[in-house]
C-alpha atoms as a PDB file:
ATOM      1  CA  MET A   1      11.393 -18.601 -18.365  1.00  0.00           C
ATOM      2  CA  ARG A   2      14.086 -18.950 -15.730  1.00  0.00           C
ATOM      3  CA  ALA A   3      12.265 -16.439 -13.515  1.00  0.00           C
ATOM      4  CA  ALA A   4       8.994 -18.348 -13.860  1.00  0.00           C
ATOM      5  CA  ALA A   5      10.649 -21.628 -12.947  1.00  0.00           C
ATOM      6  CA  ARG A   6      12.318 -20.076  -9.962  1.00  0.00           C
ATOM      7  CA  TRP A   7       9.151 -18.675  -8.376  1.00  0.00           C
ATOM      8  CA  ASN A   8       7.097 -21.752  -9.121  1.00  0.00           C
ATOM      9  CA  SER A   9       9.704 -23.926  -7.422  1.00  0.00           C
ATOM     10  CA  ASP A  10       9.313 -21.916  -4.208  1.00  0.00           C
ATOM     11  CA  ARG A  11       5.567 -22.291  -4.326  1.00  0.00           C
ATOM     12  CA  HIS A  12       4.937 -21.480  -0.682  1.00  0.00           C
ATOM     13  CA  GLY A  13       7.906 -19.215  -0.002  1.00  0.00           C
ATOM     14  CA  ARG A  14       9.912 -21.961   1.713  1.00  0.00           C
ATOM     15  CA  GLY A  15      13.561 -21.027   1.935  1.00  0.00           C
ATOM     16  CA  MET A  16      13.047 -17.503   0.641  1.00  0.00           C
ATOM     17  CA  ARG A  17      14.564 -14.472   2.310  1.00  0.00           C
ATOM     18  CA  LEU A  18      12.477 -11.297   2.532  1.00  0.00           C
ATOM     19  CA  PHE A  19      13.838  -7.770   2.852  1.00  0.00           C
ATOM     20  CA  ILE A  20      11.436  -4.885   3.469  1.00  0.00           C
ATOM     21  CA  LEU A  21      12.464  -1.353   2.593  1.00  0.00           C
ATOM     22  CA  GLY A  22      10.179   0.647   4.858  1.00  0.00           C
ATOM     23  CA  TYR A  23       8.669  -1.502   7.623  1.00  0.00           C
ATOM     24  CA  GLY A  24       5.457   0.490   7.948  1.00  0.00           C
ATOM     25  CA  TYR A  25       1.796  -0.261   8.521  1.00  0.00           C
ATOM     26  CA  SER A  26       1.141  -2.443   5.458  1.00  0.00           C
ATOM     27  CA  ALA A  27       4.451  -4.319   5.646  1.00  0.00           C
ATOM     28  CA  ARG A  28       3.928  -4.995   9.354  1.00  0.00           C
ATOM     29  CA  HIS A  29       0.556  -6.610   8.694  1.00  0.00           C
ATOM     30  CA  PHE A  30       1.997  -8.660   5.858  1.00  0.00           C
ATOM     31  CA  VAL A  31       4.647 -10.062   8.194  1.00  0.00           C
ATOM     32  CA  ARG A  32       2.054 -10.826  10.863  1.00  0.00           C
ATOM     33  CA  ARG A  33      -0.004 -12.863   8.390  1.00  0.00           C
ATOM     34  CA  PHE A  34       2.656 -14.475   6.231  1.00  0.00           C
ATOM     35  CA  GLY A  35       5.990 -14.084   7.991  1.00  0.00           C
ATOM     36  CA  GLY A  36       6.151 -17.783   8.791  1.00  0.00           C
ATOM     37  CA  ALA A  37       6.490 -18.566   5.086  1.00  0.00           C
ATOM     38  CA  PHE A  38       9.993 -17.069   4.928  1.00  0.00           C
ATOM     39  CA  LEU A  39      13.342 -18.394   6.058  1.00  0.00           C
ATOM     40  CA  HIS A  40      14.510 -14.934   7.128  1.00  0.00           C
ATOM     41  CA  ILE A  41      12.971 -11.444   7.323  1.00  0.00           C
ATOM     42  CA  ALA A  42      14.839  -8.163   7.597  1.00  0.00           C
ATOM     43  CA  GLY A  43      13.766  -4.583   7.015  1.00  0.00           C
ATOM     44  CA  THR A  44      14.461  -0.915   7.493  1.00  0.00           C
ATOM     45  CA  VAL A  45      12.958   1.718   9.759  1.00  0.00           C
ATOM     46  CA  ARG A  46      14.019   5.304  10.266  1.00  0.00           C
ATOM     47  CA  ASP A  47      14.813   4.939  13.951  1.00  0.00           C
ATOM     48  CA  PRO A  48      14.619   1.512  15.617  1.00  0.00           C
ATOM     49  CA  ALA A  49      14.762   3.136  19.048  1.00  0.00           C
ATOM     50  CA  GLN A  50      11.365   4.734  18.425  1.00  0.00           C
ATOM     51  CA  ARG A  51       9.603   1.481  17.504  1.00  0.00           C
ATOM     52  CA  ASP A  52       8.216  -1.238  19.773  1.00  0.00           C
ATOM     53  CA  ASP A  53       6.728  -3.476  17.055  1.00  0.00           C
ATOM     54  CA  LEU A  54       9.869  -4.969  15.550  1.00  0.00           C
ATOM     55  CA  ALA A  55       9.892  -8.448  17.073  1.00  0.00           C
ATOM     56  CA  GLY A  56      10.596 -11.201  14.585  1.00  0.00           C
ATOM     57  CA  ILE A  57      12.535  -9.205  12.019  1.00  0.00           C
ATOM     58  CA  GLU A  58      16.160  -8.170  11.723  1.00  0.00           C
ATOM     59  CA  VAL A  59      16.072  -4.375  11.877  1.00  0.00           C
ATOM     60  CA  HIS A  60      18.261  -1.942   9.960  1.00  0.00           C
ATOM     61  CA  ALA A  61      18.177   1.837  10.355  1.00  0.00           C
ATOM     62  CA  PHE A  62      17.703   3.743   7.090  1.00  0.00           C
ATOM     63  CA  SER A  63      16.496   7.318   6.702  1.00  0.00           C
ATOM     64  CA  GLY A  64      17.161   7.780   3.003  1.00  0.00           C
ATOM     65  CA  SER A  65      20.933   8.097   2.776  1.00  0.00           C
ATOM     66  CA  ASP A  66      24.236   6.678   4.027  1.00  0.00           C
ATOM     67  CA  PRO A  67      23.181   3.029   4.501  1.00  0.00           C
ATOM     68  CA  ASP A  68      25.591   0.758   6.300  1.00  0.00           C
ATOM     69  CA  ARG A  69      27.353  -2.186   4.681  1.00  0.00           C
ATOM     70  CA  ARG A  70      25.338  -4.808   6.565  1.00  0.00           C
ATOM     71  CA  THR A  71      22.065  -3.442   5.169  1.00  0.00           C
ATOM     72  CA  ALA A  72      23.379  -3.700   1.615  1.00  0.00           C
ATOM     73  CA  GLU A  73      24.545  -7.261   2.301  1.00  0.00           C
ATOM     74  CA  ARG A  74      21.115  -8.317   3.543  1.00  0.00           C
ATOM     75  CA  ILE A  75      19.433  -6.769   0.501  1.00  0.00           C
ATOM     76  CA  ASN A  76      21.840  -8.632  -1.734  1.00  0.00           C
ATOM     77  CA  GLU A  77      20.912 -11.918  -0.041  1.00  0.00           C
ATOM     78  CA  ALA A  78      17.159 -11.332  -0.346  1.00  0.00           C
ATOM     79  CA  ASP A  79      14.990 -13.349  -2.726  1.00  0.00           C
ATOM     80  CA  VAL A  80      12.029 -10.992  -2.277  1.00  0.00           C
ATOM     81  CA  LEU A  81      12.293  -7.231  -1.906  1.00  0.00           C
ATOM     82  CA  LEU A  82       9.195  -5.374  -0.681  1.00  0.00           C
ATOM     83  CA  VAL A  83       9.483  -1.607  -1.159  1.00  0.00           C
ATOM     84  CA  SER A  84       7.143   0.708   0.749  1.00  0.00           C
ATOM     85  CA  ILE A  85       9.244   3.856   1.148  1.00  0.00           C
ATOM     86  CA  PRO A  86       7.666   6.834  -0.672  1.00  0.00           C
ATOM     87  CA  PRO A  87       9.739   8.846  -3.121  1.00  0.00           C
ATOM     88  CA  GLY A  88      11.148  12.254  -2.282  1.00  0.00           C
ATOM     89  CA  SER A  89      11.884  15.335  -4.314  1.00  0.00           C
ATOM     90  CA  THR A  90      15.087  13.753  -5.641  1.00  0.00           C
ATOM     91  CA  GLY A  91      13.459  10.444  -6.542  1.00  0.00           C
ATOM     92  CA  ASP A  92      13.232   7.090  -4.821  1.00  0.00           C
ATOM     93  CA  PRO A  93      15.752   7.151  -1.935  1.00  0.00           C
ATOM     94  CA  THR A  94      16.305   3.396  -2.002  1.00  0.00           C
ATOM     95  CA  LEU A  95      17.354   3.370  -5.639  1.00  0.00           C
ATOM     96  CA  GLY A  96      19.829   6.140  -4.924  1.00  0.00           C
ATOM     97  CA  ALA A  97      21.255   4.456  -1.831  1.00  0.00           C
ATOM     98  CA  PHE A  98      21.346   0.816  -2.966  1.00  0.00           C
ATOM     99  CA  GLY A  99      21.550   1.057  -6.753  1.00  0.00           C
ATOM    100  CA  ASP A 100      24.525  -1.297  -7.289  1.00  0.00           C
ATOM    101  CA  THR A 101      23.225  -3.825  -4.751  1.00  0.00           C
ATOM    102  CA  LEU A 102      19.753  -3.887  -6.302  1.00  0.00           C
ATOM    103  CA  THR A 103      21.091  -4.767  -9.736  1.00  0.00           C
ATOM    104  CA  ALA A 104      23.562  -7.396  -8.510  1.00  0.00           C
ATOM    105  CA  ARG A 105      21.136 -10.333  -8.879  1.00  0.00           C
ATOM    106  CA  ARG A 106      17.617 -11.248  -9.963  1.00  0.00           C
ATOM    107  CA  ARG A 107      14.962 -11.247  -7.295  1.00  0.00           C
ATOM    108  CA  LYS A 108      11.267 -10.620  -6.863  1.00  0.00           C
ATOM    109  CA  VAL A 109      10.710  -6.873  -6.441  1.00  0.00           C
ATOM    110  CA  ILE A 110       7.341  -5.592  -5.201  1.00  0.00           C
ATOM    111  CA  TYR A 111       6.798  -1.835  -5.141  1.00  0.00           C
ATOM    112  CA  LEU A 112       3.863  -0.436  -3.166  1.00  0.00           C
ATOM    113  CA  SER A 113       2.495   2.558  -5.041  1.00  0.00           C
ATOM    114  CA  THR A 114      -0.871   4.351  -5.030  1.00  0.00           C
ATOM    115  CA  ILE A 115      -3.985   4.574  -7.185  1.00  0.00           C
ATOM    116  CA  GLY A 116      -3.463   8.326  -6.897  1.00  0.00           C
ATOM    117  CA  VAL A 117      -1.267   8.075 -10.015  1.00  0.00           C
ATOM    118  CA  TYR A 118      -4.416   7.981 -12.165  1.00  0.00           C
ATOM    119  CA  GLY A 119      -5.317  11.549 -11.275  1.00  0.00           C
ATOM    120  CA  ASP A 120      -8.808  13.008 -11.659  1.00  0.00           C
ATOM    121  CA  HIS A 121     -11.384  11.261 -13.848  1.00  0.00           C
ATOM    122  CA  ALA A 122     -14.459  13.030 -12.481  1.00  0.00           C
ATOM    123  CA  GLY A 123     -15.691   9.816 -10.879  1.00  0.00           C
ATOM    124  CA  GLY A 124     -15.216   7.718 -14.019  1.00  0.00           C
ATOM    125  CA  TRP A 125     -13.853   4.185 -14.036  1.00  0.00           C
ATOM    126  CA  VAL A 126     -10.137   3.522 -14.560  1.00  0.00           C
ATOM    127  CA  ASP A 127      -7.998   0.385 -14.698  1.00  0.00           C
ATOM    128  CA  GLU A 128      -4.353  -0.540 -15.247  1.00  0.00           C
ATOM    129  CA  SER A 129      -4.597   0.366 -18.938  1.00  0.00           C
ATOM    130  CA  THR A 130      -5.480   3.970 -18.038  1.00  0.00           C
ATOM    131  CA  PRO A 131      -2.413   6.194 -18.511  1.00  0.00           C
ATOM    132  CA  PRO A 132      -1.282   7.781 -15.228  1.00  0.00           C
ATOM    133  CA  GLN A 133      -1.931  11.496 -15.008  1.00  0.00           C
ATOM    134  CA  ALA A 134      -1.164  13.338 -11.819  1.00  0.00           C
ATOM    135  CA  ALA A 135      -1.591  17.034 -11.202  1.00  0.00           C
ATOM    136  CA  VAL A 136       0.091  17.202  -7.793  1.00  0.00           C
ATOM    137  CA  GLU A 137       3.817  16.799  -7.196  1.00  0.00           C
ATOM    138  CA  ARG A 138       3.364  13.943  -4.714  1.00  0.00           C
ATOM    139  CA  THR A 139       1.778  11.655  -7.302  1.00  0.00           C
ATOM    140  CA  GLN A 140       4.061  12.831 -10.092  1.00  0.00           C
ATOM    141  CA  MET A 141       6.942  11.544  -7.984  1.00  0.00           C
ATOM    142  CA  ARG A 142       5.114   8.224  -7.577  1.00  0.00           C
ATOM    143  CA  ILE A 143       4.772   7.821 -11.325  1.00  0.00           C
ATOM    144  CA  ALA A 144       8.496   8.479 -11.748  1.00  0.00           C
ATOM    145  CA  ALA A 145       9.346   6.003  -8.966  1.00  0.00           C
ATOM    146  CA  GLU A 146       7.198   3.260 -10.525  1.00  0.00           C
ATOM    147  CA  GLN A 147       8.988   3.709 -13.832  1.00  0.00           C
ATOM    148  CA  ALA A 148      12.400   3.725 -12.141  1.00  0.00           C
ATOM    149  CA  TRP A 149      11.710   0.340 -10.508  1.00  0.00           C
ATOM    150  CA  ILE A 150      10.395  -1.066 -13.784  1.00  0.00           C
ATOM    151  CA  ASN A 151      13.544   0.111 -15.554  1.00  0.00           C
ATOM    152  CA  MET A 152      15.841  -1.192 -12.816  1.00  0.00           C
ATOM    153  CA  THR A 153      14.332  -4.697 -13.011  1.00  0.00           C
ATOM    154  CA  GLY A 154      14.093  -4.820 -16.791  1.00  0.00           C
ATOM    155  CA  GLY A 155      10.314  -4.826 -16.564  1.00  0.00           C
ATOM    156  CA  ASP A 156      10.074  -7.554 -13.904  1.00  0.00           C
ATOM    157  CA  ALA A 157       8.945  -5.355 -10.999  1.00  0.00           C
ATOM    158  CA  ALA A 158       5.497  -5.979  -9.524  1.00  0.00           C
ATOM    159  CA  ILE A 159       3.771  -2.632  -8.994  1.00  0.00           C
ATOM    160  CA  LEU A 160       0.862  -2.725  -6.538  1.00  0.00           C
ATOM    161  CA  ARG A 161      -1.198   0.468  -6.653  1.00  0.00           C
ATOM    162  CA  LEU A 162      -2.928   0.712  -3.286  1.00  0.00           C
ATOM    163  CA  ALA A 163      -6.177   2.494  -2.512  1.00  0.00           C
ATOM    164  CA  GLY A 164      -6.808   4.319   0.771  1.00  0.00           C
ATOM    165  CA  ILE A 165      -5.482   1.971   3.450  1.00  0.00           C
ATOM    166  CA  TYR A 166      -7.466   1.109   6.571  1.00  0.00           C
ATOM    167  CA  GLY A 167      -7.374  -1.593   9.215  1.00  0.00           C
ATOM    168  CA  PRO A 168      -6.813  -2.030  12.953  1.00  0.00           C
ATOM    169  CA  GLY A 169      -6.134   1.324  14.592  1.00  0.00           C
ATOM    170  CA  ARG A 170      -6.530   3.205  11.305  1.00  0.00           C
ATOM    171  CA  ASN A 171     -10.177   3.494  10.323  1.00  0.00           C
ATOM    172  CA  ALA A 172     -13.362   5.532  10.619  1.00  0.00           C
ATOM    173  CA  LEU A 173     -14.331   3.839  13.899  1.00  0.00           C
ATOM    174  CA  ALA A 174     -11.041   4.931  15.473  1.00  0.00           C
ATOM    175  CA  THR A 175     -11.338   8.521  14.253  1.00  0.00           C
ATOM    176  CA  LEU A 176     -14.909   8.754  15.541  1.00  0.00           C
ATOM    177  CA  ARG A 177     -13.816   7.459  18.937  1.00  0.00           C
ATOM    178  CA  ALA A 178     -10.941   9.955  18.975  1.00  0.00           C
ATOM    179  CA  GLY A 179     -13.252  12.812  18.012  1.00  0.00           C
ATOM    180  CA  THR A 180     -11.298  13.637  14.846  1.00  0.00           C
ATOM    181  CA  ALA A 181     -13.687  12.258  12.202  1.00  0.00           C
ATOM    182  CA  ARG A 182     -15.130  14.764   9.729  1.00  0.00           C
ATOM    183  CA  ARG A 183     -17.799  14.535   7.042  1.00  0.00           C
ATOM    184  CA  ILE A 184     -16.440  16.655   4.217  1.00  0.00           C
ATOM    185  CA  ILE A 185     -18.988  16.945   1.417  1.00  0.00           C
ATOM    186  CA  LYS A 186     -17.768  17.433  -2.135  1.00  0.00           C
ATOM    187  CA  PRO A 187     -20.504  16.494  -4.625  1.00  0.00           C
ATOM    188  CA  GLY A 188     -19.416  13.665  -6.943  1.00  0.00           C
ATOM    189  CA  GLN A 189     -16.329  12.781  -4.903  1.00  0.00           C
ATOM    190  CA  VAL A 190     -15.611   9.064  -4.528  1.00  0.00           C
ATOM    191  CA  PHE A 191     -12.625   7.084  -3.240  1.00  0.00           C
ATOM    192  CA  ASN A 192     -11.638   3.436  -3.230  1.00  0.00           C
ATOM    193  CA  ARG A 193     -10.299   1.849  -0.065  1.00  0.00           C
ATOM    194  CA  ILE A 194      -8.491  -1.347   0.840  1.00  0.00           C
ATOM    195  CA  HIS A 195      -8.242  -3.278   4.089  1.00  0.00           C
ATOM    196  CA  VAL A 196      -4.676  -4.000   5.163  1.00  0.00           C
ATOM    197  CA  ASP A 197      -5.385  -7.750   5.273  1.00  0.00           C
ATOM    198  CA  ASP A 198      -6.277  -7.640   1.587  1.00  0.00           C
ATOM    199  CA  ILE A 199      -3.023  -5.805   0.866  1.00  0.00           C
ATOM    200  CA  ALA A 200      -1.186  -8.659   2.572  1.00  0.00           C
ATOM    201  CA  SER A 201      -3.026 -11.207   0.418  1.00  0.00           C
ATOM    202  CA  ALA A 202      -2.131  -9.272  -2.729  1.00  0.00           C
ATOM    203  CA  ILE A 203       1.554  -9.124  -1.765  1.00  0.00           C
ATOM    204  CA  MET A 204       1.678 -12.878  -1.166  1.00  0.00           C
ATOM    205  CA  ALA A 205      -0.168 -13.575  -4.422  1.00  0.00           C
ATOM    206  CA  VAL A 206       2.261 -11.487  -6.457  1.00  0.00           C
ATOM    207  CA  ILE A 207       5.253 -13.213  -4.818  1.00  0.00           C
ATOM    208  CA  HIS A 208       3.999 -16.468  -6.350  1.00  0.00           C
ATOM    209  CA  HIS A 209       3.183 -14.864  -9.700  1.00  0.00           C
ATOM    210  CA  PRO A 210       5.923 -15.630 -12.225  1.00  0.00           C
ATOM    211  CA  ASN A 211       5.998 -12.252 -13.952  1.00  0.00           C
ATOM    212  CA  GLY A 212       6.102  -8.555 -13.242  1.00  0.00           C
ATOM    213  CA  GLY A 213       3.226  -6.205 -13.933  1.00  0.00           C
ATOM    214  CA  THR A 214       0.932  -3.583 -12.446  1.00  0.00           C
ATOM    215  CA  TRP A 215      -2.160  -4.314 -10.372  1.00  0.00           C
ATOM    216  CA  ASN A 216      -4.697  -2.104  -8.602  1.00  0.00           C
ATOM    217  CA  VAL A 217      -5.248  -3.226  -5.006  1.00  0.00           C
ATOM    218  CA  CYS A 218      -8.602  -1.722  -4.061  1.00  0.00           C
ATOM    219  CA  ASP A 219     -12.095  -2.676  -2.991  1.00  0.00           C
ATOM    220  CA  ASP A 220     -15.169  -3.320  -5.143  1.00  0.00           C
ATOM    221  CA  GLU A 221     -17.112  -0.217  -4.179  1.00  0.00           C
ATOM    222  CA  PRO A 222     -15.704   3.292  -4.527  1.00  0.00           C
ATOM    223  CA  ALA A 223     -17.827   5.503  -2.304  1.00  0.00           C
ATOM    224  CA  PRO A 224     -18.157   9.075  -1.007  1.00  0.00           C
ATOM    225  CA  PRO A 225     -16.000   9.550   2.099  1.00  0.00           C
ATOM    226  CA  GLN A 226     -18.899  10.879   4.171  1.00  0.00           C
ATOM    227  CA  ASP A 227     -20.764   7.585   3.680  1.00  0.00           C
ATOM    228  CA  VAL A 228     -17.961   5.687   5.416  1.00  0.00           C
ATOM    229  CA  ILE A 229     -18.087   7.965   8.443  1.00  0.00           C
ATOM    230  CA  ALA A 230     -21.872   7.702   8.612  1.00  0.00           C
ATOM    231  CA  TYR A 231     -21.755   3.900   8.504  1.00  0.00           C
ATOM    232  CA  ALA A 232     -19.113   3.753  11.229  1.00  0.00           C
ATOM    233  CA  ALA A 233     -21.256   6.039  13.408  1.00  0.00           C
ATOM    234  CA  GLN A 234     -24.227   3.731  12.852  1.00  0.00           C
ATOM    235  CA  LEU A 235     -22.182   0.735  14.027  1.00  0.00           C
ATOM    236  CA  MET A 236     -21.115   2.620  17.128  1.00  0.00           C
ATOM    237  CA  GLY A 237     -24.591   3.948  17.849  1.00  0.00           C
ATOM    238  CA  VAL A 238     -23.432   7.564  17.872  1.00  0.00           C
ATOM    239  CA  ALA A 239     -24.394  10.643  15.894  1.00  0.00           C
ATOM    240  CA  PRO A 240     -22.120  11.302  12.919  1.00  0.00           C
ATOM    241  CA  PRO A 241     -20.217  14.587  12.835  1.00  0.00           C
ATOM    242  CA  PRO A 242     -21.928  17.459  11.022  1.00  0.00           C
ATOM    243  CA  GLU A 243     -21.558  17.835   7.278  1.00  0.00           C
ATOM    244  CA  GLU A 244     -18.954  20.360   6.123  1.00  0.00           C
ATOM    245  CA  PRO A 245     -19.039  21.706   2.561  1.00  0.00           C
ATOM    246  CA  PHE A 246     -15.659  21.104   0.954  1.00  0.00           C
ATOM    247  CA  ALA A 247     -15.504  24.617  -0.481  1.00  0.00           C
ATOM    248  CA  ILE A 248     -15.411  26.270   2.946  1.00  0.00           C
ATOM    249  CA  ALA A 249     -13.998  23.492   5.148  1.00  0.00           C
ATOM    250  CA  GLU A 250     -10.748  24.301   6.949  1.00  0.00           C
ATOM    251  CA  MET A 251      -8.223  21.714   5.792  1.00  0.00           C
ATOM    252  CA  SER A 252      -4.477  21.435   5.427  1.00  0.00           C
ATOM    253  CA  PRO A 253      -3.109  21.699   1.880  1.00  0.00           C
ATOM    254  CA  MET A 254      -2.200  17.998   2.053  1.00  0.00           C
ATOM    255  CA  ALA A 255      -5.715  16.954   3.110  1.00  0.00           C
ATOM    256  CA  ARG A 256      -7.311  19.181   0.482  1.00  0.00           C
ATOM    257  CA  SER A 257      -5.098  17.735  -2.242  1.00  0.00           C
ATOM    258  CA  PHE A 258      -6.639  14.288  -1.766  1.00  0.00           C
ATOM    259  CA  TYR A 259      -9.969  15.709  -2.944  1.00  0.00           C
ATOM    260  CA  ALA A 260      -8.409  16.958  -6.192  1.00  0.00           C
ATOM    261  CA  SER A 261      -8.906  13.526  -7.774  1.00  0.00           C
ATOM    262  CA  SER A 262     -12.083  11.480  -8.067  1.00  0.00           C
ATOM    263  CA  ALA A 263     -12.083   8.107  -9.818  1.00  0.00           C
ATOM    264  CA  ARG A 264     -13.611   4.673  -9.597  1.00  0.00           C
ATOM    265  CA  VAL A 265     -10.752   2.174  -9.743  1.00  0.00           C
ATOM    266  CA  SER A 266     -11.239  -1.370 -11.030  1.00  0.00           C
ATOM    267  CA  ASN A 267      -9.684  -4.382  -9.288  1.00  0.00           C
ATOM    268  CA  ALA A 268     -10.686  -6.886 -11.983  1.00  0.00           C
ATOM    269  CA  LYS A 269      -7.076  -7.578 -13.008  1.00  0.00           C
ATOM    270  CA  LEU A 270      -6.081  -8.292  -9.383  1.00  0.00           C
ATOM    271  CA  LYS A 271      -8.754 -10.976  -9.183  1.00  0.00           C
ATOM    272  CA  ARG A 272      -8.252 -12.357 -12.668  1.00  0.00           C
ATOM    273  CA  GLU A 273      -4.454 -12.602 -12.818  1.00  0.00           C
ATOM    274  CA  LEU A 274      -3.481 -13.007  -9.161  1.00  0.00           C
ATOM    275  CA  GLY A 275      -6.538 -14.911  -7.975  1.00  0.00           C
ATOM    276  CA  VAL A 276      -7.067 -12.617  -4.986  1.00  0.00           C
ATOM    277  CA  THR A 277     -10.406 -12.917  -3.183  1.00  0.00           C
ATOM    278  CA  LEU A 278     -10.985  -9.860  -1.023  1.00  0.00           C
ATOM    279  CA  ALA A 279     -11.854 -10.458   2.609  1.00  0.00           C
ATOM    280  CA  CYS A 280     -13.331  -6.944   2.700  1.00  0.00           C
ATOM    281  CA  PRO A 281     -14.817  -6.179  -0.734  1.00  0.00           C
ATOM    282  CA  THR A 282     -16.558  -3.026   0.564  1.00  0.00           C
ATOM    283  CA  TYR A 283     -15.974  -0.575   3.396  1.00  0.00           C
ATOM    284  CA  ARG A 284     -19.009  -2.053   5.145  1.00  0.00           C
ATOM    285  CA  HIS A 285     -17.423  -5.514   5.239  1.00  0.00           C
ATOM    286  CA  GLY A 286     -14.222  -4.013   6.617  1.00  0.00           C
ATOM    287  CA  LEU A 287     -15.854  -1.865   9.282  1.00  0.00           C
ATOM    288  CA  ASP A 288     -18.159  -4.719  10.324  1.00  0.00           C
ATOM    289  CA  ALA A 289     -15.134  -6.978  10.850  1.00  0.00           C
ATOM    290  CA  LEU A 290     -13.234  -4.321  12.786  1.00  0.00           C
ATOM    291  CA  TRP A 291     -16.244  -3.620  15.006  1.00  0.00           C
ATOM    292  CA  ARG A 292     -16.718  -7.327  15.747  1.00  0.00           C
ATOM    293  CA  ALA A 293     -13.024  -7.504  16.670  1.00  0.00           C
ATOM    294  CA  GLY A 294     -13.529  -4.818  19.305  1.00  0.00           C
ATOM    295  CA  GLU A 295     -12.216  -1.783  17.431  1.00  0.00           C
ATOM    296  CA  ALA A 296     -13.039   1.545  19.110  1.00  0.00           C
ATOM    297  CA  ARG A 297     -14.910  -0.105  21.992  1.00  0.00           C
END
């Protein structure tokens, strides 16, 4: 009950301090939309010298080991901790580096995971009650990292399982313009996606939610990947790239591994419990908005 009272009292984030472990694409867009709600924002990047998008946050270098004292102090001061660093072969690097600091006080912990933890369901529907099952090492490590954060917080961590992320500069329009888009055809294959603005809305909603839990952050319409490319080409008025059968397509092992799982992921709990209304409920809504904003012109 104390946790619920605490987060309800800071209804709009006033006075809260945010620390971001892994200031990447999704975290950057969250700060752009909602950064003004926080008293102070700090975060980590691997190499601050290589980044030109760090205005407005206090930056700390962190590459997975040997953090400096000031970073640990800022984490200890934080009311909200947003974690978007992927796990490695030895587990979650942040838990290993900041273990004592992370357990020093209660705070809101939000861990950005992936819907890939559900594994392959041959295109069938899954939700948060579906037991994770992952055949590839990358998602096995994600499952272990989720559980580690749940254990560390005594069950209070908010786990957001993200679908395939797209948004400004990272979308089918941009890959078509760059000449790198491909239409890989694997019969029955479907993916969910999520616009980065909707990820930001989900993060803010879970900050104001009094309890921990697990939520899928994905769109309403899982769809074959080739359909997304074809729709983007239609918007641009260009011919889509030729179809390539998955069985004979030249792909990296990493790219091929994404096709090992096919599932339709439900976002009903996200809407019901967190009250999130998606700005881009389908890939068509998202691509339409990006095109109107001048993407890939």
